[in-house]
Amino acid sequence: MGLAAPLEADGMAAHGRCQKSKLMLVASLAPLAPFVALAREARVDHVAGWDLRILRFLHGYEKRAEGSAFDHAVNAFLAMGGEITLILGLLVLSILLATQRVRDALFLITVSAAVVALTSALKEAFERTDLKYSFPSGHAALSAAIAVAAGLIAWPTRWRWPTVAGGALFTATLGTALVYEGWHLASDVIGGWCLAATCASLLRALFLVVPLRATGGER
């Protein structure tokens, strides 16, 4: 009788994690589909009409606003975009380690590393003639990876909506700035977002079913 209750609780917890893992696997298909479609366009060296219209609108505005306070602010933000993304990632990591959430910290590191490795490899595979190493955008992918991972980690807590809103705002702002400055097409940015969301979902599913001992325990 004494062992029955703990064993039953462990079984229910494992079943719950398995169900969540299946949901995350299904969720990963949603961003994967548009990524494949965008990657196919990049592979055949084609730029869609909607992609060109967004570029002309945003980059055209950048040319008209050149020298303005707004343009200087965007330039400064984009110049520090990589550093800001790294600082935010380290901030989230520090919070997780300070609260002894080692499993979630390892998840964040794994997602970030996977996305960096994949974007570097995919840029070679989907290189366009006139846009070298463009698809998918590494800046967009890494910012989205940290934002999605942080959102998944915070989801069971009261911090879910502030985390999701803050991550979405930063990711969208950085992605828009990349197109505004002409560094990337919109499809490069969206492709980076989709890649990050797919990686985060798949890895979250994996971390939900991997035995707790293998990732430092449930902390």
N, C-alpha and C. Protein backbone atom coordinates (compact mmCIF):
# COMPACT_ATOMS: atom_id res chain seq x y z
N MET A 1 0.84 -1.20 0.00
CA MET A 1 0.00 0.00 0.00
C MET A 1 0.87 1.25 0.00
N GLY A 2 2.01 1.19 0.77
CA GLY A 2 2.86 2.36 0.87
C GLY A 2 3.51 2.72 -0.44
N LEU A 3 3.85 1.72 -1.25
CA LEU A 3 4.52 1.98 -2.52
C LEU A 3 3.54 2.22 -3.66
N ALA A 4 2.31 1.84 -3.50
CA ALA A 4 1.34 1.91 -4.59
C ALA A 4 1.07 3.35 -5.02
N ALA A 5 0.88 4.23 -4.05
CA ALA A 5 0.55 5.61 -4.37
C ALA A 5 1.67 6.31 -5.13
N PRO A 6 2.94 6.23 -4.66
CA PRO A 6 4.03 6.87 -5.41
C PRO A 6 4.20 6.30 -6.81
N LEU A 7 4.06 4.98 -6.94
CA LEU A 7 4.20 4.36 -8.27
C LEU A 7 3.10 4.82 -9.21
N GLU A 8 1.90 4.92 -8.67
CA GLU A 8 0.77 5.38 -9.49
C GLU A 8 0.97 6.84 -9.91
N ALA A 9 1.48 7.65 -8.98
CA ALA A 9 1.73 9.06 -9.29
C ALA A 9 2.81 9.19 -10.37
N ASP A 10 3.88 8.37 -10.25
CA ASP A 10 4.94 8.39 -11.25
C ASP A 10 4.41 7.97 -12.62
N GLY A 11 3.54 6.97 -12.62
CA GLY A 11 2.97 6.51 -13.88
C GLY A 11 2.10 7.56 -14.53
N MET A 12 1.32 8.27 -13.72
CA MET A 12 0.47 9.33 -14.26
C MET A 12 1.30 10.49 -14.79
N ALA A 13 2.40 10.81 -14.07
CA ALA A 13 3.27 11.88 -14.52
C ALA A 13 3.94 11.52 -15.84
N ALA A 14 4.40 10.27 -15.96
CA ALA A 14 5.03 9.82 -17.21
C ALA A 14 4.04 9.84 -18.36
N HIS A 15 2.80 9.43 -18.08
CA HIS A 15 1.77 9.45 -19.11
C HIS A 15 1.50 10.89 -19.56
N GLY A 16 1.46 11.81 -18.59
CA GLY A 16 1.24 13.21 -18.91
C GLY A 16 2.33 13.78 -19.79
N ARG A 17 3.59 13.44 -19.46
CA ARG A 17 4.71 13.92 -20.27
C ARG A 17 4.66 13.33 -21.67
N CYS A 18 4.25 12.08 -21.78
CA CYS A 18 4.14 11.43 -23.09
C CYS A 18 3.09 12.12 -23.95
N GLN A 19 1.95 12.46 -23.34
CA GLN A 19 0.89 13.15 -24.08
C GLN A 19 1.35 14.53 -24.54
N LYS A 20 2.05 15.25 -23.65
CA LYS A 20 2.57 16.56 -24.03
C LYS A 20 3.58 16.44 -25.15
N SER A 21 4.39 15.39 -25.10
CA SER A 21 5.39 15.17 -26.13
C SER A 21 4.73 14.96 -27.49
N LYS A 22 3.65 14.19 -27.51
CA LYS A 22 2.93 13.96 -28.77
C LYS A 22 2.35 15.26 -29.32
N LEU A 23 1.84 16.09 -28.42
CA LEU A 23 1.29 17.38 -28.85
C LEU A 23 2.38 18.26 -29.44
N MET A 24 3.57 18.25 -28.85
CA MET A 24 4.67 19.05 -29.36
C MET A 24 5.13 18.55 -30.72
N LEU A 25 5.10 17.23 -30.93
CA LEU A 25 5.46 16.67 -32.24
C LEU A 25 4.49 17.13 -33.31
N VAL A 26 3.20 17.12 -32.97
CA VAL A 26 2.19 17.60 -33.91
C VAL A 26 2.37 19.09 -34.18
N ALA A 27 2.65 19.85 -33.11
CA ALA A 27 2.82 21.29 -33.24
C ALA A 27 4.01 21.64 -34.13
N SER A 28 5.04 20.79 -34.12
CA SER A 28 6.23 21.07 -34.93
C SER A 28 5.94 21.03 -36.42
N LEU A 29 4.86 20.34 -36.82
CA LEU A 29 4.53 20.24 -38.24
C LEU A 29 4.00 21.56 -38.79
N ALA A 30 3.39 22.39 -37.93
CA ALA A 30 2.80 23.64 -38.38
C ALA A 30 3.85 24.58 -38.98
N PRO A 31 4.97 24.87 -38.29
CA PRO A 31 5.99 25.73 -38.91
C PRO A 31 6.86 25.02 -39.94
N LEU A 32 6.88 23.68 -39.90
CA LEU A 32 7.72 22.95 -40.84
C LEU A 32 7.20 23.08 -42.27
N ALA A 33 5.89 23.05 -42.43
CA ALA A 33 5.29 23.12 -43.77
C ALA A 33 5.66 24.41 -44.51
N PRO A 34 5.45 25.60 -43.90
CA PRO A 34 5.86 26.82 -44.62
C PRO A 34 7.37 26.91 -44.82
N PHE A 35 8.16 26.34 -43.89
CA PHE A 35 9.61 26.37 -44.09
C PHE A 35 9.98 25.60 -45.35
N VAL A 36 9.39 24.43 -45.54
CA VAL A 36 9.70 23.62 -46.72
C VAL A 36 9.31 24.36 -47.99
N ALA A 37 8.15 25.03 -47.97
CA ALA A 37 7.69 25.78 -49.14
C ALA A 37 8.65 26.92 -49.46
N LEU A 38 9.08 27.65 -48.45
CA LEU A 38 10.01 28.75 -48.66
C LEU A 38 11.38 28.26 -49.11
N ALA A 39 11.81 27.15 -48.53
CA ALA A 39 13.11 26.58 -48.89
C ALA A 39 13.11 26.13 -50.35
N ARG A 40 12.00 25.60 -50.82
CA ARG A 40 11.91 25.15 -52.21
C ARG A 40 12.05 26.33 -53.17
N GLU A 41 11.44 27.46 -52.80
CA GLU A 41 11.56 28.67 -53.63
C GLU A 41 13.02 29.14 -53.68
N ALA A 42 13.67 29.12 -52.52
CA ALA A 42 15.07 29.54 -52.47
C ALA A 42 15.96 28.58 -53.25
N ARG A 43 15.62 27.29 -53.19
CA ARG A 43 16.42 26.27 -53.85
C ARG A 43 16.45 26.45 -55.36
N VAL A 44 15.33 26.88 -55.93
CA VAL A 44 15.26 27.07 -57.38
C VAL A 44 15.60 28.51 -57.78
N ASP A 45 16.16 29.26 -56.81
CA ASP A 45 16.62 30.62 -57.08
C ASP A 45 15.48 31.54 -57.51
N HIS A 46 14.33 31.37 -56.86
CA HIS A 46 13.15 32.16 -57.21
C HIS A 46 12.77 33.06 -56.04
N VAL A 47 12.42 34.31 -56.37
CA VAL A 47 11.93 35.25 -55.36
C VAL A 47 10.49 35.57 -55.70
N ALA A 48 9.58 35.26 -54.79
CA ALA A 48 8.15 35.45 -55.03
C ALA A 48 7.79 36.92 -55.09
N GLY A 49 6.66 37.19 -55.73
CA GLY A 49 6.21 38.57 -55.88
C GLY A 49 5.94 39.24 -54.54
N TRP A 50 5.31 38.51 -53.62
CA TRP A 50 5.02 39.11 -52.31
C TRP A 50 6.30 39.45 -51.56
N ASP A 51 7.34 38.64 -51.78
CA ASP A 51 8.63 38.87 -51.14
C ASP A 51 9.23 40.19 -51.64
N LEU A 52 9.18 40.40 -52.95
CA LEU A 52 9.71 41.63 -53.53
C LEU A 52 8.91 42.85 -53.10
N ARG A 53 7.60 42.70 -52.99
CA ARG A 53 6.76 43.84 -52.59
C ARG A 53 7.07 44.28 -51.16
N ILE A 54 7.26 43.31 -50.26
CA ILE A 54 7.61 43.65 -48.88
C ILE A 54 8.99 44.31 -48.83
N LEU A 55 9.94 43.77 -49.59
CA LEU A 55 11.28 44.36 -49.61
C LEU A 55 11.24 45.78 -50.14
N ARG A 56 10.52 45.99 -51.22
CA ARG A 56 10.44 47.33 -51.81
C ARG A 56 9.78 48.32 -50.86
N PHE A 57 8.76 47.86 -50.15
CA PHE A 57 8.05 48.74 -49.21
C PHE A 57 8.96 49.13 -48.05
N LEU A 58 9.55 48.14 -47.38
CA LEU A 58 10.35 48.43 -46.19
C LEU A 58 11.70 49.06 -46.54
N HIS A 59 12.40 48.47 -47.49
CA HIS A 59 13.71 49.01 -47.85
C HIS A 59 13.56 50.34 -48.58
N GLY A 60 12.45 50.49 -49.31
CA GLY A 60 12.17 51.77 -49.96
C GLY A 60 11.96 52.87 -48.94
N TYR A 61 11.27 52.55 -47.85
CA TYR A 61 11.07 53.52 -46.78
C TYR A 61 12.40 53.87 -46.12
N GLU A 62 13.28 52.87 -46.00
CA GLU A 62 14.60 53.12 -45.41
C GLU A 62 15.37 54.13 -46.23
N LYS A 63 15.27 54.05 -47.54
CA LYS A 63 15.98 54.99 -48.40
C LYS A 63 15.41 56.40 -48.26
N ARG A 64 14.08 56.49 -48.12
CA ARG A 64 13.45 57.81 -47.96
C ARG A 64 13.75 58.40 -46.59
N ALA A 65 13.91 57.52 -45.59
CA ALA A 65 14.15 58.00 -44.22
C ALA A 65 15.63 58.11 -43.88
N GLU A 66 16.49 57.89 -44.86
CA GLU A 66 17.92 57.87 -44.60
C GLU A 66 18.38 59.17 -43.95
N GLY A 67 19.14 59.02 -42.85
CA GLY A 67 19.65 60.18 -42.14
C GLY A 67 18.74 60.68 -41.03
N SER A 68 17.52 60.16 -40.96
CA SER A 68 16.58 60.60 -39.93
C SER A 68 16.91 59.92 -38.60
N ALA A 69 16.29 60.44 -37.52
CA ALA A 69 16.50 59.85 -36.20
C ALA A 69 16.00 58.41 -36.17
N PHE A 70 14.88 58.16 -36.84
CA PHE A 70 14.33 56.81 -36.90
C PHE A 70 15.30 55.87 -37.60
N ASP A 71 15.87 56.32 -38.70
CA ASP A 71 16.80 55.48 -39.45
C ASP A 71 18.05 55.18 -38.62
N HIS A 72 18.54 56.15 -37.91
CA HIS A 72 19.72 55.93 -37.05
C HIS A 72 19.40 54.94 -35.93
N ALA A 73 18.18 55.04 -35.39
CA ALA A 73 17.77 54.13 -34.32
C ALA A 73 17.70 52.69 -34.82
N VAL A 74 17.14 52.50 -36.02
CA VAL A 74 17.05 51.15 -36.59
C VAL A 74 18.44 50.60 -36.89
N ASN A 75 19.30 51.46 -37.44
CA ASN A 75 20.68 51.03 -37.72
C ASN A 75 21.40 50.58 -36.45
N ALA A 76 21.23 51.37 -35.39
CA ALA A 76 21.89 51.04 -34.12
C ALA A 76 21.33 49.73 -33.55
N PHE A 77 20.01 49.59 -33.62
CA PHE A 77 19.38 48.37 -33.10
C PHE A 77 19.86 47.14 -33.87
N LEU A 78 19.91 47.26 -35.19
CA LEU A 78 20.32 46.12 -36.01
C LEU A 78 21.80 45.81 -35.82
N ALA A 79 22.62 46.85 -35.65
CA ALA A 79 24.05 46.65 -35.44
C ALA A 79 24.31 45.87 -34.15
N MET A 80 23.42 46.07 -33.17
CA MET A 80 23.58 45.38 -31.88
C MET A 80 22.63 44.19 -31.75
N GLY A 81 21.93 43.85 -32.85
CA GLY A 81 20.93 42.78 -32.78
C GLY A 81 21.48 41.46 -32.29
N GLY A 82 22.65 41.08 -32.81
CA GLY A 82 23.25 39.82 -32.39
C GLY A 82 23.63 39.83 -30.92
N GLU A 83 24.21 40.95 -30.47
CA GLU A 83 24.61 41.07 -29.07
C GLU A 83 23.39 41.09 -28.14
N ILE A 84 22.33 41.79 -28.56
CA ILE A 84 21.12 41.84 -27.74
C ILE A 84 20.50 40.45 -27.62
N THR A 85 20.47 39.72 -28.74
CA THR A 85 19.94 38.35 -28.72
C THR A 85 20.75 37.48 -27.76
N LEU A 86 22.07 37.59 -27.82
CA LEU A 86 22.94 36.81 -26.94
C LEU A 86 22.70 37.17 -25.47
N ILE A 87 22.59 38.47 -25.19
CA ILE A 87 22.37 38.92 -23.81
C ILE A 87 21.04 38.40 -23.28
N LEU A 88 19.99 38.47 -24.11
CA LEU A 88 18.68 37.96 -23.67
C LEU A 88 18.74 36.46 -23.41
N GLY A 89 19.44 35.74 -24.30
CA GLY A 89 19.58 34.30 -24.09
C GLY A 89 20.31 33.97 -22.81
N LEU A 90 21.39 34.71 -22.54
CA LEU A 90 22.16 34.49 -21.31
C LEU A 90 21.35 34.88 -20.07
N LEU A 91 20.51 35.90 -20.21
CA LEU A 91 19.65 36.31 -19.09
C LEU A 91 18.66 35.20 -18.74
N VAL A 92 18.02 34.64 -19.76
CA VAL A 92 17.09 33.53 -19.53
C VAL A 92 17.82 32.34 -18.92
N LEU A 93 18.99 32.05 -19.47
CA LEU A 93 19.79 30.92 -18.96
C LEU A 93 20.18 31.14 -17.49
N SER A 94 20.56 32.36 -17.16
CA SER A 94 20.96 32.68 -15.78
C SER A 94 19.79 32.49 -14.82
N ILE A 95 18.61 32.92 -15.24
CA ILE A 95 17.43 32.77 -14.40
C ILE A 95 17.13 31.29 -14.16
N LEU A 96 17.24 30.50 -15.22
CA LEU A 96 16.97 29.07 -15.09
C LEU A 96 17.97 28.39 -14.16
N LEU A 97 19.23 28.73 -14.30
CA LEU A 97 20.25 28.12 -13.45
C LEU A 97 20.12 28.60 -12.00
N ALA A 98 19.76 29.88 -11.82
CA ALA A 98 19.60 30.42 -10.47
C ALA A 98 18.44 29.76 -9.74
N THR A 99 17.42 29.35 -10.51
CA THR A 99 16.26 28.68 -9.90
C THR A 99 16.38 27.15 -9.98
N GLN A 100 17.59 26.67 -10.33
CA GLN A 100 17.92 25.25 -10.38
C GLN A 100 17.05 24.47 -11.38
N ARG A 101 16.68 25.11 -12.47
CA ARG A 101 15.92 24.43 -13.52
C ARG A 101 16.92 23.97 -14.59
N VAL A 102 17.72 23.00 -14.21
CA VAL A 102 18.82 22.53 -15.06
C VAL A 102 18.29 21.93 -16.36
N ARG A 103 17.21 21.18 -16.28
CA ARG A 103 16.62 20.54 -17.46
C ARG A 103 16.21 21.58 -18.49
N ASP A 104 15.55 22.64 -18.04
CA ASP A 104 15.12 23.70 -18.95
C ASP A 104 16.30 24.49 -19.50
N ALA A 105 17.33 24.68 -18.66
CA ALA A 105 18.54 25.36 -19.12
C ALA A 105 19.22 24.57 -20.24
N LEU A 106 19.29 23.26 -20.07
CA LEU A 106 19.87 22.40 -21.09
C LEU A 106 19.04 22.43 -22.37
N PHE A 107 17.73 22.49 -22.22
CA PHE A 107 16.84 22.59 -23.38
C PHE A 107 17.11 23.88 -24.15
N LEU A 108 17.23 25.00 -23.45
CA LEU A 108 17.51 26.29 -24.10
C LEU A 108 18.83 26.26 -24.85
N ILE A 109 19.86 25.71 -24.22
CA ILE A 109 21.18 25.62 -24.87
C ILE A 109 21.12 24.73 -26.10
N THR A 110 20.43 23.61 -25.99
CA THR A 110 20.34 22.66 -27.11
C THR A 110 19.60 23.27 -28.30
N VAL A 111 18.50 23.94 -28.03
CA VAL A 111 17.74 24.59 -29.11
C VAL A 111 18.59 25.64 -29.81
N SER A 112 19.25 26.48 -29.04
CA SER A 112 20.07 27.55 -29.62
C SER A 112 21.20 26.98 -30.46
N ALA A 113 21.88 25.97 -29.94
CA ALA A 113 23.00 25.36 -30.66
C ALA A 113 22.52 24.68 -31.94
N ALA A 114 21.39 23.99 -31.87
CA ALA A 114 20.85 23.30 -33.04
C ALA A 114 20.48 24.29 -34.14
N VAL A 115 19.87 25.39 -33.76
CA VAL A 115 19.45 26.39 -34.75
C VAL A 115 20.66 27.05 -35.40
N VAL A 116 21.67 27.39 -34.61
CA VAL A 116 22.88 27.99 -35.17
C VAL A 116 23.55 27.03 -36.17
N ALA A 117 23.64 25.76 -35.80
CA ALA A 117 24.26 24.77 -36.68
C ALA A 117 23.45 24.57 -37.97
N LEU A 118 22.14 24.50 -37.83
CA LEU A 118 21.29 24.26 -38.99
C LEU A 118 21.28 25.45 -39.96
N THR A 119 21.20 26.66 -39.43
CA THR A 119 21.17 27.82 -40.32
C THR A 119 22.47 27.93 -41.11
N SER A 120 23.58 27.64 -40.46
CA SER A 120 24.88 27.70 -41.17
C SER A 120 24.92 26.68 -42.31
N ALA A 121 24.42 25.48 -42.05
CA ALA A 121 24.43 24.44 -43.08
C ALA A 121 23.43 24.74 -44.19
N LEU A 122 22.26 25.23 -43.82
CA LEU A 122 21.22 25.47 -44.81
C LEU A 122 21.53 26.66 -45.72
N LYS A 123 22.27 27.63 -45.22
CA LYS A 123 22.65 28.76 -46.07
C LYS A 123 23.46 28.29 -47.27
N GLU A 124 24.26 27.28 -47.07
CA GLU A 124 25.04 26.71 -48.17
C GLU A 124 24.13 25.97 -49.15
N ALA A 125 23.16 25.24 -48.62
CA ALA A 125 22.29 24.42 -49.47
C ALA A 125 21.30 25.26 -50.27
N PHE A 126 20.87 26.39 -49.71
CA PHE A 126 19.83 27.20 -50.35
C PHE A 126 20.35 28.56 -50.80
N GLU A 127 21.58 28.60 -51.23
CA GLU A 127 22.19 29.85 -51.65
C GLU A 127 21.61 30.31 -52.99
N ARG A 128 21.11 31.55 -53.02
CA ARG A 128 20.61 32.13 -54.26
C ARG A 128 21.76 32.78 -55.03
N THR A 129 21.53 33.03 -56.32
CA THR A 129 22.58 33.61 -57.16
C THR A 129 22.94 35.01 -56.71
N ASP A 130 21.92 35.83 -56.48
CA ASP A 130 22.16 37.24 -56.13
C ASP A 130 22.12 37.51 -54.63
N LEU A 131 21.75 36.51 -53.85
CA LEU A 131 21.64 36.69 -52.40
C LEU A 131 22.47 35.60 -51.72
N LYS A 132 23.70 35.91 -51.43
CA LYS A 132 24.62 34.93 -50.86
C LYS A 132 24.29 34.69 -49.37
N TYR A 133 24.24 33.44 -49.00
CA TYR A 133 24.03 33.05 -47.60
C TYR A 133 22.86 33.80 -46.96
N SER A 134 21.75 33.78 -47.67
CA SER A 134 20.60 34.58 -47.24
C SER A 134 19.52 33.75 -46.54
N PHE A 135 19.24 32.56 -47.05
CA PHE A 135 18.13 31.75 -46.51
C PHE A 135 18.67 30.55 -45.74
N PRO A 136 18.18 30.35 -44.52
CA PRO A 136 17.33 31.23 -43.71
C PRO A 136 18.17 32.25 -42.94
N SER A 137 17.54 33.30 -42.46
CA SER A 137 18.25 34.33 -41.72
C SER A 137 18.71 33.79 -40.36
N GLY A 138 20.01 33.86 -40.11
CA GLY A 138 20.54 33.40 -38.83
C GLY A 138 20.10 34.28 -37.67
N HIS A 139 20.08 35.61 -37.89
CA HIS A 139 19.63 36.52 -36.83
C HIS A 139 18.18 36.23 -36.44
N ALA A 140 17.33 36.07 -37.46
CA ALA A 140 15.92 35.81 -37.20
C ALA A 140 15.73 34.46 -36.52
N ALA A 141 16.47 33.46 -36.98
CA ALA A 141 16.31 32.10 -36.44
C ALA A 141 16.73 32.03 -34.97
N LEU A 142 17.88 32.63 -34.63
CA LEU A 142 18.37 32.54 -33.25
C LEU A 142 17.47 33.32 -32.29
N SER A 143 17.03 34.51 -32.70
CA SER A 143 16.14 35.29 -31.83
C SER A 143 14.83 34.54 -31.60
N ALA A 144 14.31 33.92 -32.66
CA ALA A 144 13.07 33.15 -32.52
C ALA A 144 13.29 31.89 -31.69
N ALA A 145 14.45 31.26 -31.83
CA ALA A 145 14.74 30.05 -31.05
C ALA A 145 14.71 30.34 -29.56
N ILE A 146 15.35 31.44 -29.17
CA ILE A 146 15.38 31.81 -27.76
C ILE A 146 13.98 32.20 -27.28
N ALA A 147 13.25 32.94 -28.12
CA ALA A 147 11.90 33.38 -27.75
C ALA A 147 10.95 32.20 -27.60
N VAL A 148 10.98 31.27 -28.56
CA VAL A 148 10.07 30.11 -28.51
C VAL A 148 10.45 29.19 -27.34
N ALA A 149 11.74 28.96 -27.17
CA ALA A 149 12.19 28.10 -26.06
C ALA A 149 11.78 28.71 -24.72
N ALA A 150 11.98 30.01 -24.57
CA ALA A 150 11.61 30.68 -23.32
C ALA A 150 10.10 30.61 -23.10
N GLY A 151 9.34 30.77 -24.19
CA GLY A 151 7.89 30.68 -24.08
C GLY A 151 7.42 29.30 -23.66
N LEU A 152 8.03 28.27 -24.21
CA LEU A 152 7.67 26.90 -23.84
C LEU A 152 8.03 26.60 -22.38
N ILE A 153 9.18 27.12 -21.96
CA ILE A 153 9.60 26.92 -20.58
C ILE A 153 8.66 27.64 -19.61
N ALA A 154 8.27 28.85 -19.97
CA ALA A 154 7.43 29.66 -19.07
C ALA A 154 5.95 29.31 -19.14
N TRP A 155 5.55 28.51 -20.13
CA TRP A 155 4.13 28.27 -20.36
C TRP A 155 3.37 27.75 -19.14
N PRO A 156 3.91 26.83 -18.36
CA PRO A 156 3.17 26.33 -17.19
C PRO A 156 3.11 27.32 -16.03
N THR A 157 3.78 28.47 -16.16
CA THR A 157 3.88 29.41 -15.05
C THR A 157 3.05 30.66 -15.33
N ARG A 158 3.01 31.54 -14.34
CA ARG A 158 2.26 32.80 -14.49
C ARG A 158 2.98 33.78 -15.40
N TRP A 159 4.23 33.47 -15.77
CA TRP A 159 5.01 34.35 -16.63
C TRP A 159 4.83 34.04 -18.11
N ARG A 160 3.89 33.18 -18.44
CA ARG A 160 3.76 32.75 -19.84
C ARG A 160 3.50 33.92 -20.79
N TRP A 161 2.50 34.73 -20.49
CA TRP A 161 2.12 35.79 -21.43
C TRP A 161 3.16 36.91 -21.52
N PRO A 162 3.73 37.39 -20.40
CA PRO A 162 4.81 38.37 -20.55
C PRO A 162 6.00 37.83 -21.35
N THR A 163 6.33 36.55 -21.14
CA THR A 163 7.44 35.95 -21.87
C THR A 163 7.14 35.82 -23.35
N VAL A 164 5.95 35.34 -23.66
CA VAL A 164 5.55 35.18 -25.07
C VAL A 164 5.47 36.54 -25.76
N ALA A 165 4.85 37.52 -25.10
CA ALA A 165 4.69 38.85 -25.70
C ALA A 165 6.05 39.52 -25.91
N GLY A 166 6.92 39.46 -24.90
CA GLY A 166 8.24 40.07 -25.03
C GLY A 166 9.08 39.41 -26.10
N GLY A 167 9.04 38.08 -26.15
CA GLY A 167 9.80 37.36 -27.17
C GLY A 167 9.30 37.64 -28.57
N ALA A 168 7.98 37.68 -28.72
CA ALA A 168 7.38 37.95 -30.04
C ALA A 168 7.71 39.36 -30.50
N LEU A 169 7.65 40.33 -29.57
CA LEU A 169 7.94 41.72 -29.92
C LEU A 169 9.39 41.89 -30.37
N PHE A 170 10.32 41.30 -29.62
CA PHE A 170 11.73 41.43 -30.00
C PHE A 170 12.01 40.74 -31.32
N THR A 171 11.49 39.53 -31.48
CA THR A 171 11.74 38.76 -32.70
C THR A 171 11.16 39.47 -33.93
N ALA A 172 9.94 39.98 -33.81
CA ALA A 172 9.30 40.68 -34.93
C ALA A 172 10.03 41.97 -35.27
N THR A 173 10.48 42.69 -34.24
CA THR A 173 11.20 43.95 -34.48
C THR A 173 12.52 43.70 -35.19
N LEU A 174 13.26 42.71 -34.72
CA LEU A 174 14.54 42.38 -35.36
C LEU A 174 14.33 41.91 -36.79
N GLY A 175 13.33 41.06 -37.00
CA GLY A 175 13.05 40.56 -38.34
C GLY A 175 12.67 41.67 -39.31
N THR A 176 11.85 42.61 -38.84
CA THR A 176 11.45 43.74 -39.68
C THR A 176 12.65 44.62 -40.02
N ALA A 177 13.52 44.83 -39.03
CA ALA A 177 14.72 45.65 -39.25
C ALA A 177 15.64 45.01 -40.28
N LEU A 178 15.72 43.70 -40.30
CA LEU A 178 16.56 43.00 -41.27
C LEU A 178 16.11 43.26 -42.70
N VAL A 179 14.79 43.28 -42.91
CA VAL A 179 14.26 43.55 -44.25
C VAL A 179 14.36 45.04 -44.56
N TYR A 180 14.09 45.87 -43.55
CA TYR A 180 14.16 47.32 -43.70
C TYR A 180 15.53 47.77 -44.21
N GLU A 181 16.57 47.15 -43.64
CA GLU A 181 17.93 47.53 -44.04
C GLU A 181 18.40 46.81 -45.30
N GLY A 182 17.58 45.90 -45.81
CA GLY A 182 17.94 45.19 -47.02
C GLY A 182 18.91 44.05 -46.81
N TRP A 183 19.08 43.62 -45.56
CA TRP A 183 19.96 42.49 -45.28
C TRP A 183 19.36 41.18 -45.73
N HIS A 184 18.03 41.09 -45.67
CA HIS A 184 17.34 39.85 -45.98
C HIS A 184 16.01 40.12 -46.66
N LEU A 185 15.53 39.11 -47.38
CA LEU A 185 14.14 39.10 -47.85
C LEU A 185 13.24 38.68 -46.69
N ALA A 186 11.97 38.99 -46.81
CA ALA A 186 11.01 38.58 -45.79
C ALA A 186 10.96 37.06 -45.67
N SER A 187 11.10 36.36 -46.81
CA SER A 187 11.07 34.90 -46.78
C SER A 187 12.26 34.33 -46.00
N ASP A 188 13.40 35.01 -46.03
CA ASP A 188 14.55 34.57 -45.24
C ASP A 188 14.24 34.65 -43.75
N VAL A 189 13.59 35.74 -43.37
CA VAL A 189 13.25 35.97 -41.95
C VAL A 189 12.19 34.97 -41.50
N ILE A 190 11.13 34.84 -42.30
CA ILE A 190 10.05 33.91 -41.94
C ILE A 190 10.58 32.47 -41.92
N GLY A 191 11.46 32.15 -42.87
CA GLY A 191 12.07 30.83 -42.88
C GLY A 191 12.87 30.57 -41.61
N GLY A 192 13.59 31.57 -41.14
CA GLY A 192 14.34 31.45 -39.90
C GLY A 192 13.42 31.24 -38.71
N TRP A 193 12.31 31.98 -38.68
CA TRP A 193 11.33 31.80 -37.60
C TRP A 193 10.76 30.39 -37.60
N CYS A 194 10.39 29.91 -38.79
CA CYS A 194 9.78 28.58 -38.90
C CYS A 194 10.77 27.49 -38.50
N LEU A 195 12.02 27.65 -38.92
CA LEU A 195 13.05 26.67 -38.55
C LEU A 195 13.22 26.62 -37.03
N ALA A 196 13.26 27.79 -36.40
CA ALA A 196 13.43 27.86 -34.95
C ALA A 196 12.26 27.23 -34.22
N ALA A 197 11.04 27.53 -34.68
CA ALA A 197 9.84 26.97 -34.03
C ALA A 197 9.80 25.45 -34.17
N THR A 198 10.20 24.96 -35.35
CA THR A 198 10.23 23.51 -35.56
C THR A 198 11.25 22.83 -34.65
N CYS A 199 12.46 23.39 -34.59
CA CYS A 199 13.51 22.81 -33.74
C CYS A 199 13.10 22.84 -32.27
N ALA A 200 12.55 23.96 -31.82
CA ALA A 200 12.16 24.08 -30.42
C ALA A 200 11.06 23.09 -30.06
N SER A 201 10.09 22.92 -30.95
CA SER A 201 8.99 21.99 -30.69
C SER A 201 9.47 20.54 -30.66
N LEU A 202 10.31 20.17 -31.63
CA LEU A 202 10.82 18.80 -31.68
C LEU A 202 11.68 18.49 -30.46
N LEU A 203 12.55 19.43 -30.11
CA LEU A 203 13.42 19.19 -28.96
C LEU A 203 12.66 19.20 -27.64
N ARG A 204 11.61 20.02 -27.57
CA ARG A 204 10.79 20.01 -26.36
C ARG A 204 10.11 18.65 -26.20
N ALA A 205 9.64 18.11 -27.33
CA ALA A 205 9.03 16.78 -27.30
C ALA A 205 10.03 15.74 -26.82
N LEU A 206 11.27 15.84 -27.29
CA LEU A 206 12.32 14.91 -26.88
C LEU A 206 12.62 15.04 -25.38
N PHE A 207 12.74 16.28 -24.92
CA PHE A 207 13.07 16.50 -23.51
C PHE A 207 11.94 16.05 -22.58
N LEU A 208 10.73 16.00 -23.08
CA LEU A 208 9.60 15.57 -22.25
C LEU A 208 9.61 14.07 -22.00
N VAL A 209 10.22 13.32 -22.92
CA VAL A 209 10.19 11.85 -22.78
C VAL A 209 11.53 11.27 -22.35
N VAL A 210 12.62 12.06 -22.45
CA VAL A 210 13.92 11.56 -22.00
C VAL A 210 13.87 11.38 -20.49
N PRO A 211 14.38 10.27 -19.95
CA PRO A 211 14.38 10.07 -18.50
C PRO A 211 14.99 11.24 -17.76
N LEU A 212 14.42 11.59 -16.63
CA LEU A 212 14.84 12.76 -15.88
C LEU A 212 16.32 12.70 -15.50
N ARG A 213 16.82 11.51 -15.16
CA ARG A 213 18.21 11.37 -14.74
C ARG A 213 19.18 11.77 -15.85
N ALA A 214 18.71 11.61 -17.12
CA ALA A 214 19.61 11.90 -18.25
C ALA A 214 19.81 13.39 -18.45
N THR A 215 18.92 14.22 -17.88
CA THR A 215 19.04 15.66 -18.07
C THR A 215 19.17 16.39 -16.75
N GLY A 216 19.65 15.72 -15.75
CA GLY A 216 19.94 16.40 -14.51
C GLY A 216 18.80 16.45 -13.53
N GLY A 217 17.73 15.71 -13.80
CA GLY A 217 16.63 15.67 -12.84
C GLY A 217 15.60 16.74 -13.10
N GLU A 218 14.47 16.62 -12.47
CA GLU A 218 13.37 17.57 -12.62
C GLU A 218 13.58 18.71 -11.65
N ARG A 219 14.10 19.81 -12.17
CA ARG A 219 14.40 20.95 -11.31
C ARG A 219 13.79 22.20 -11.89
